[in-house]
PDB file of all heavy atoms in Angstrom:
ATOM      1  N   CYS A   1     -33.740  44.131   9.008  1.00  0.00           N
ATOM      2  CA  CYS A   1     -35.023  44.628   8.507  1.00  0.00           C
ATOM      3  C   CYS A   1     -35.204  44.284   7.034  1.00  0.00           C
ATOM      4  O   CYS A   1     -36.308  43.917   6.592  1.00  0.00           O
ATOM      5  CB  CYS A   1     -35.121  46.147   8.700  1.00  0.00           C
ATOM      6  SG  CYS A   1     -35.167  46.689  10.427  1.00  0.00           S
ATOM      7  N   ILE A   2     -34.129  44.400   6.259  1.00  0.00           N
ATOM      8  CA  ILE A   2     -34.185  44.074   4.837  1.00  0.00           C
ATOM      9  C   ILE A   2     -34.457  42.590   4.633  1.00  0.00           C
ATOM     10  O   ILE A   2     -35.303  42.200   3.817  1.00  0.00           O
ATOM     11  CB  ILE A   2     -32.869  44.485   4.153  1.00  0.00           C
ATOM     12  CG1 ILE A   2     -32.724  46.004   4.155  1.00  0.00           C
ATOM     13  CG2 ILE A   2     -32.797  43.946   2.731  1.00  0.00           C
ATOM     14  CD1 ILE A   2     -31.355  46.494   3.716  1.00  0.00           C
ATOM     15  N   VAL A   3     -33.755  41.757   5.374  1.00  0.00           N
ATOM     16  CA  VAL A   3     -33.939  40.306   5.246  1.00  0.00           C
ATOM     17  C   VAL A   3     -35.362  39.921   5.620  1.00  0.00           C
ATOM     18  O   VAL A   3     -35.995  39.076   4.960  1.00  0.00           O
ATOM     19  CB  VAL A   3     -32.920  39.557   6.122  1.00  0.00           C
ATOM     20  CG1 VAL A   3     -33.243  38.071   6.171  1.00  0.00           C
ATOM     21  CG2 VAL A   3     -31.506  39.777   5.595  1.00  0.00           C
ATOM     22  N   GLU A   4     -35.903  40.540   6.665  1.00  0.00           N
ATOM     23  CA  GLU A   4     -37.267  40.223   7.084  1.00  0.00           C
ATOM     24  C   GLU A   4     -38.277  40.571   6.002  1.00  0.00           C
ATOM     25  O   GLU A   4     -39.241  39.851   5.786  1.00  0.00           O
ATOM     26  CB  GLU A   4     -37.600  40.972   8.374  1.00  0.00           C
ATOM     27  CG  GLU A   4     -38.988  40.659   8.916  1.00  0.00           C
ATOM     28  CD  GLU A   4     -39.270  41.362  10.227  1.00  0.00           C
ATOM     29  OE1 GLU A   4     -38.352  41.964  10.808  1.00  0.00           O
ATOM     30  OE2 GLU A   4     -40.427  41.301  10.674  1.00  0.00           O
ATOM     31  N   ARG A   5     -38.043  41.677   5.291  1.00  0.00           N
ATOM     32  CA  ARG A   5     -39.004  42.118   4.280  1.00  0.00           C
ATOM     33  C   ARG A   5     -38.805  41.435   2.933  1.00  0.00           C
ATOM     34  O   ARG A   5     -39.775  41.092   2.247  1.00  0.00           O
ATOM     35  CB  ARG A   5     -38.921  43.635   4.095  1.00  0.00           C
ATOM     36  CG  ARG A   5     -39.984  44.203   3.153  1.00  0.00           C
ATOM     37  CD  ARG A   5     -39.907  45.712   3.044  1.00  0.00           C
ATOM     38  NE  ARG A   5     -40.183  46.385   4.314  1.00  0.00           N
ATOM     39  CZ  ARG A   5     -40.150  47.709   4.482  1.00  0.00           C
ATOM     40  NH1 ARG A   5     -39.851  48.488   3.432  1.00  0.00           N
ATOM     41  NH2 ARG A   5     -40.403  48.250   5.664  1.00  0.00           N
ATOM     42  N   PHE A   6     -37.531  41.222   2.531  1.00  0.00           N
ATOM     43  CA  PHE A   6     -37.262  40.741   1.176  1.00  0.00           C
ATOM     44  C   PHE A   6     -36.545  39.390   1.119  1.00  0.00           C
ATOM     45  O   PHE A   6     -36.397  38.826   0.033  1.00  0.00           O
ATOM     46  CB  PHE A   6     -36.437  41.772   0.396  1.00  0.00           C
ATOM     47  CG  PHE A   6     -37.192  43.025   0.066  1.00  0.00           C
ATOM     48  CD1 PHE A   6     -36.969  44.193   0.778  1.00  0.00           C
ATOM     49  CD2 PHE A   6     -38.139  43.038  -0.947  1.00  0.00           C
ATOM     50  CE1 PHE A   6     -37.663  45.356   0.469  1.00  0.00           C
ATOM     51  CE2 PHE A   6     -38.840  44.185  -1.260  1.00  0.00           C
ATOM     52  CZ  PHE A   6     -38.609  45.353  -0.542  1.00  0.00           C
ATOM     53  N   GLY A   7     -36.045  38.891   2.243  1.00  0.00           N
ATOM     54  CA  GLY A   7     -35.398  37.590   2.243  1.00  0.00           C
ATOM     55  C   GLY A   7     -34.164  37.509   1.368  1.00  0.00           C
ATOM     56  O   GLY A   7     -33.957  36.508   0.679  1.00  0.00           O
ATOM     57  N   VAL A   8     -33.331  38.556   1.353  1.00  0.00           N
ATOM     58  CA  VAL A   8     -32.162  38.570   0.479  1.00  0.00           C
ATOM     59  C   VAL A   8     -31.100  37.582   0.955  1.00  0.00           C
ATOM     60  O   VAL A   8     -31.011  37.251   2.144  1.00  0.00           O
ATOM     61  CB  VAL A   8     -31.557  39.984   0.381  1.00  0.00           C
ATOM     62  CG1 VAL A   8     -32.576  40.970  -0.156  1.00  0.00           C
ATOM     63  CG2 VAL A   8     -31.026  40.452   1.732  1.00  0.00           C
ATOM     64  N   ASP A   9     -30.307  37.099  -0.004  1.00  0.00           N
ATOM     65  CA  ASP A   9     -29.213  36.173   0.263  1.00  0.00           C
ATOM     66  C   ASP A   9     -27.923  36.980   0.358  1.00  0.00           C
ATOM     67  O   ASP A   9     -27.473  37.551  -0.645  1.00  0.00           O
ATOM     68  CB  ASP A   9     -29.130  35.154  -0.879  1.00  0.00           C
ATOM     69  CG  ASP A   9     -27.982  34.165  -0.707  1.00  0.00           C
ATOM     70  OD1 ASP A   9     -27.203  34.295   0.261  1.00  0.00           O
ATOM     71  OD2 ASP A   9     -27.861  33.262  -1.555  1.00  0.00           O
ATOM     72  N   PRO A  10     -27.287  37.053   1.530  1.00  0.00           N
ATOM     73  CA  PRO A  10     -26.063  37.866   1.661  1.00  0.00           C
ATOM     74  C   PRO A  10     -24.976  37.472   0.677  1.00  0.00           C
ATOM     75  O   PRO A  10     -24.229  38.328   0.191  1.00  0.00           O
ATOM     76  CB  PRO A  10     -25.624  37.619   3.109  1.00  0.00           C
ATOM     77  CG  PRO A  10     -26.850  37.175   3.819  1.00  0.00           C
ATOM     78  CD  PRO A  10     -27.674  36.436   2.812  1.00  0.00           C
ATOM     79  N   SER A  11     -24.869  36.186   0.363  1.00  0.00           N
ATOM     80  CA  SER A  11     -23.795  35.731  -0.527  1.00  0.00           C
ATOM     81  C   SER A  11     -23.987  36.190  -1.960  1.00  0.00           C
ATOM     82  O   SER A  11     -23.054  36.122  -2.769  1.00  0.00           O
ATOM     83  CB  SER A  11     -23.688  34.202  -0.480  1.00  0.00           C
ATOM     84  OG  SER A  11     -24.823  33.593  -1.076  1.00  0.00           O
ATOM     85  N   ARG A  12     -25.200  36.684  -2.292  1.00  0.00           N
ATOM     86  CA  ARG A  12     -25.476  37.142  -3.663  1.00  0.00           C
ATOM     87  C   ARG A  12     -25.952  38.597  -3.671  1.00  0.00           C
ATOM     88  O   ARG A  12     -26.687  39.015  -4.547  1.00  0.00           O
ATOM     89  CB  ARG A  12     -26.499  36.219  -4.332  1.00  0.00           C
ATOM     90  CG  ARG A  12     -26.025  34.772  -4.433  1.00  0.00           C
ATOM     91  CD  ARG A  12     -26.963  33.934  -5.253  1.00  0.00           C
ATOM     92  NE  ARG A  12     -27.018  34.382  -6.651  1.00  0.00           N
ATOM     93  CZ  ARG A  12     -27.867  33.890  -7.548  1.00  0.00           C
ATOM     94  NH1 ARG A  12     -28.736  32.939  -7.191  1.00  0.00           N
ATOM     95  NH2 ARG A  12     -27.861  34.346  -8.798  1.00  0.00           N
ATOM     96  N   THR A  13     -25.507  39.336  -2.657  1.00  0.00           N
ATOM     97  CA  THR A  13     -25.893  40.737  -2.528  1.00  0.00           C
ATOM     98  C   THR A  13     -24.646  41.595  -2.359  1.00  0.00           C
ATOM     99  O   THR A  13     -23.731  41.223  -1.618  1.00  0.00           O
ATOM    100  CB  THR A  13     -26.832  40.931  -1.320  1.00  0.00           C
ATOM    101  OG1 THR A  13     -27.975  40.087  -1.461  1.00  0.00           O
ATOM    102  CG2 THR A  13     -27.301  42.377  -1.216  1.00  0.00           C
ATOM    103  N   LEU A  14     -24.606  42.730  -3.037  1.00  0.00           N
ATOM    104  CA  LEU A  14     -23.482  43.657  -2.964  1.00  0.00           C
ATOM    105  C   LEU A  14     -23.894  44.911  -2.206  1.00  0.00           C
ATOM    106  O   LEU A  14     -25.022  45.375  -2.329  1.00  0.00           O
ATOM    107  CB  LEU A  14     -23.020  44.057  -4.367  1.00  0.00           C
ATOM    108  CG  LEU A  14     -22.639  42.916  -5.321  1.00  0.00           C
ATOM    109  CD1 LEU A  14     -22.410  43.456  -6.720  1.00  0.00           C
ATOM    110  CD2 LEU A  14     -21.398  42.206  -4.810  1.00  0.00           C
ATOM    111  N   MET A  15     -22.968  45.479  -1.436  1.00  0.00           N
ATOM    112  CA  MET A  15     -23.182  46.752  -0.750  1.00  0.00           C
ATOM    113  C   MET A  15     -22.339  47.818  -1.420  1.00  0.00           C
ATOM    114  O   MET A  15     -21.122  47.665  -1.554  1.00  0.00           O
ATOM    115  CB  MET A  15     -22.809  46.633   0.741  1.00  0.00           C
ATOM    116  CG  MET A  15     -22.899  47.955   1.500  1.00  0.00           C
ATOM    117  SD  MET A  15     -24.585  48.576   1.611  1.00  0.00           S
ATOM    118  CE  MET A  15     -24.299  50.347   1.745  1.00  0.00           C
ATOM    119  N   VAL A  16     -22.996  48.912  -1.849  1.00  0.00           N
ATOM    120  CA  VAL A  16     -22.315  49.999  -2.537  1.00  0.00           C
ATOM    121  C   VAL A  16     -22.428  51.258  -1.682  1.00  0.00           C
ATOM    122  O   VAL A  16     -23.539  51.699  -1.364  1.00  0.00           O
ATOM    123  CB  VAL A  16     -22.935  50.258  -3.925  1.00  0.00           C
ATOM    124  CG1 VAL A  16     -22.128  51.320  -4.672  1.00  0.00           C
ATOM    125  CG2 VAL A  16     -23.013  48.967  -4.731  1.00  0.00           C
ATOM    126  N   GLY A  17     -21.306  51.846  -1.296  1.00  0.00           N
ATOM    127  CA  GLY A  17     -21.340  53.033  -0.452  1.00  0.00           C
ATOM    128  C   GLY A  17     -20.126  53.911  -0.643  1.00  0.00           C
ATOM    129  O   GLY A  17     -19.182  53.542  -1.357  1.00  0.00           O
ATOM    130  N   ASP A  18     -20.162  55.075   0.015  1.00  0.00           N
ATOM    131  CA  ASP A  18     -19.075  56.048  -0.136  1.00  0.00           C
ATOM    132  C   ASP A  18     -18.309  56.279   1.154  1.00  0.00           C
ATOM    133  O   ASP A  18     -17.359  57.067   1.162  1.00  0.00           O
ATOM    134  CB  ASP A  18     -19.639  57.386  -0.627  1.00  0.00           C
ATOM    135  CG  ASP A  18     -20.444  58.103   0.450  1.00  0.00           C
ATOM    136  OD1 ASP A  18     -21.353  57.473   1.033  1.00  0.00           O
ATOM    137  OD2 ASP A  18     -20.174  59.294   0.708  1.00  0.00           O
ATOM    138  N   ARG A  19     -18.710  55.620   2.238  1.00  0.00           N
ATOM    139  CA  ARG A  19     -18.080  55.895   3.536  1.00  0.00           C
ATOM    140  C   ARG A  19     -17.553  54.580   4.115  1.00  0.00           C
ATOM    141  O   ARG A  19     -18.323  53.652   4.398  1.00  0.00           O
ATOM    142  CB  ARG A  19     -19.097  56.536   4.475  1.00  0.00           C
ATOM    143  CG  ARG A  19     -18.498  57.380   5.574  1.00  0.00           C
ATOM    144  CD  ARG A  19     -19.553  58.299   6.188  1.00  0.00           C
ATOM    145  NE  ARG A  19     -18.952  59.313   7.036  1.00  0.00           N
ATOM    146  CZ  ARG A  19     -19.529  60.460   7.362  1.00  0.00           C
ATOM    147  NH1 ARG A  19     -20.729  60.759   6.905  1.00  0.00           N
ATOM    148  NH2 ARG A  19     -18.920  61.324   8.139  1.00  0.00           N
ATOM    149  N   LEU A  20     -16.239  54.520   4.305  1.00  0.00           N
ATOM    150  CA  LEU A  20     -15.618  53.275   4.756  1.00  0.00           C
ATOM    151  C   LEU A  20     -16.105  52.857   6.131  1.00  0.00           C
ATOM    152  O   LEU A  20     -16.390  51.675   6.376  1.00  0.00           O
ATOM    153  CB  LEU A  20     -14.096  53.439   4.777  1.00  0.00           C
ATOM    154  CG  LEU A  20     -13.423  53.717   3.419  1.00  0.00           C
ATOM    155  CD1 LEU A  20     -11.961  54.085   3.629  1.00  0.00           C
ATOM    156  CD2 LEU A  20     -13.549  52.511   2.500  1.00  0.00           C
ATOM    157  N   GLU A  21     -16.206  53.819   7.051  1.00  0.00           N
ATOM    158  CA  GLU A  21     -16.502  53.490   8.455  1.00  0.00           C
ATOM    159  C   GLU A  21     -17.951  53.088   8.682  1.00  0.00           C
ATOM    160  O   GLU A  21     -18.266  52.532   9.744  1.00  0.00           O
ATOM    161  CB  GLU A  21     -16.141  54.683   9.346  1.00  0.00           C
ATOM    162  CG  GLU A  21     -14.665  55.010   9.399  1.00  0.00           C
ATOM    163  CD  GLU A  21     -14.179  55.837   8.217  1.00  0.00           C
ATOM    164  OE1 GLU A  21     -15.025  56.234   7.369  1.00  0.00           O
ATOM    165  OE2 GLU A  21     -12.965  56.073   8.119  1.00  0.00           O
ATOM    166  N   THR A  22     -18.814  53.363   7.745  1.00  0.00           N
ATOM    167  CA  THR A  22     -20.225  52.973   7.896  1.00  0.00           C
ATOM    168  C   THR A  22     -20.642  51.995   6.811  1.00  0.00           C
ATOM    169  O   THR A  22     -20.949  50.836   7.084  1.00  0.00           O
ATOM    170  CB  THR A  22     -21.148  54.199   7.892  1.00  0.00           C
ATOM    171  OG1 THR A  22     -20.865  55.018   6.756  1.00  0.00           O
ATOM    172  CG2 THR A  22     -20.979  55.007   9.161  1.00  0.00           C
ATOM    173  N   ASP A  23     -20.633  52.422   5.552  1.00  0.00           N
ATOM    174  CA  ASP A  23     -21.135  51.575   4.467  1.00  0.00           C
ATOM    175  C   ASP A  23     -20.311  50.311   4.277  1.00  0.00           C
ATOM    176  O   ASP A  23     -20.868  49.203   4.195  1.00  0.00           O
ATOM    177  CB  ASP A  23     -21.138  52.364   3.148  1.00  0.00           C
ATOM    178  CG  ASP A  23     -21.976  53.615   3.217  1.00  0.00           C
ATOM    179  OD1 ASP A  23     -23.054  53.572   3.844  1.00  0.00           O
ATOM    180  OD2 ASP A  23     -21.571  54.639   2.647  1.00  0.00           O
ATOM    181  N   ILE A  24     -19.007  50.466   4.171  1.00  0.00           N
ATOM    182  CA  ILE A  24     -18.162  49.299   3.895  1.00  0.00           C
ATOM    183  C   ILE A  24     -18.111  48.368   5.106  1.00  0.00           C
ATOM    184  O   ILE A  24     -18.207  47.144   4.964  1.00  0.00           O
ATOM    185  CB  ILE A  24     -16.743  49.755   3.477  1.00  0.00           C
ATOM    186  CG1 ILE A  24     -16.825  50.628   2.217  1.00  0.00           C
ATOM    187  CG2 ILE A  24     -15.846  48.542   3.246  1.00  0.00           C
ATOM    188  CD1 ILE A  24     -17.602  50.026   1.047  1.00  0.00           C
TER     189      ILE A  24
END
């Protein structure tokens, strides 16, 4: 959904989260 709306490049995008089993 994010890629469809904003066209982000996964190789230049970071994911920040607090839960290993979901966010990471």
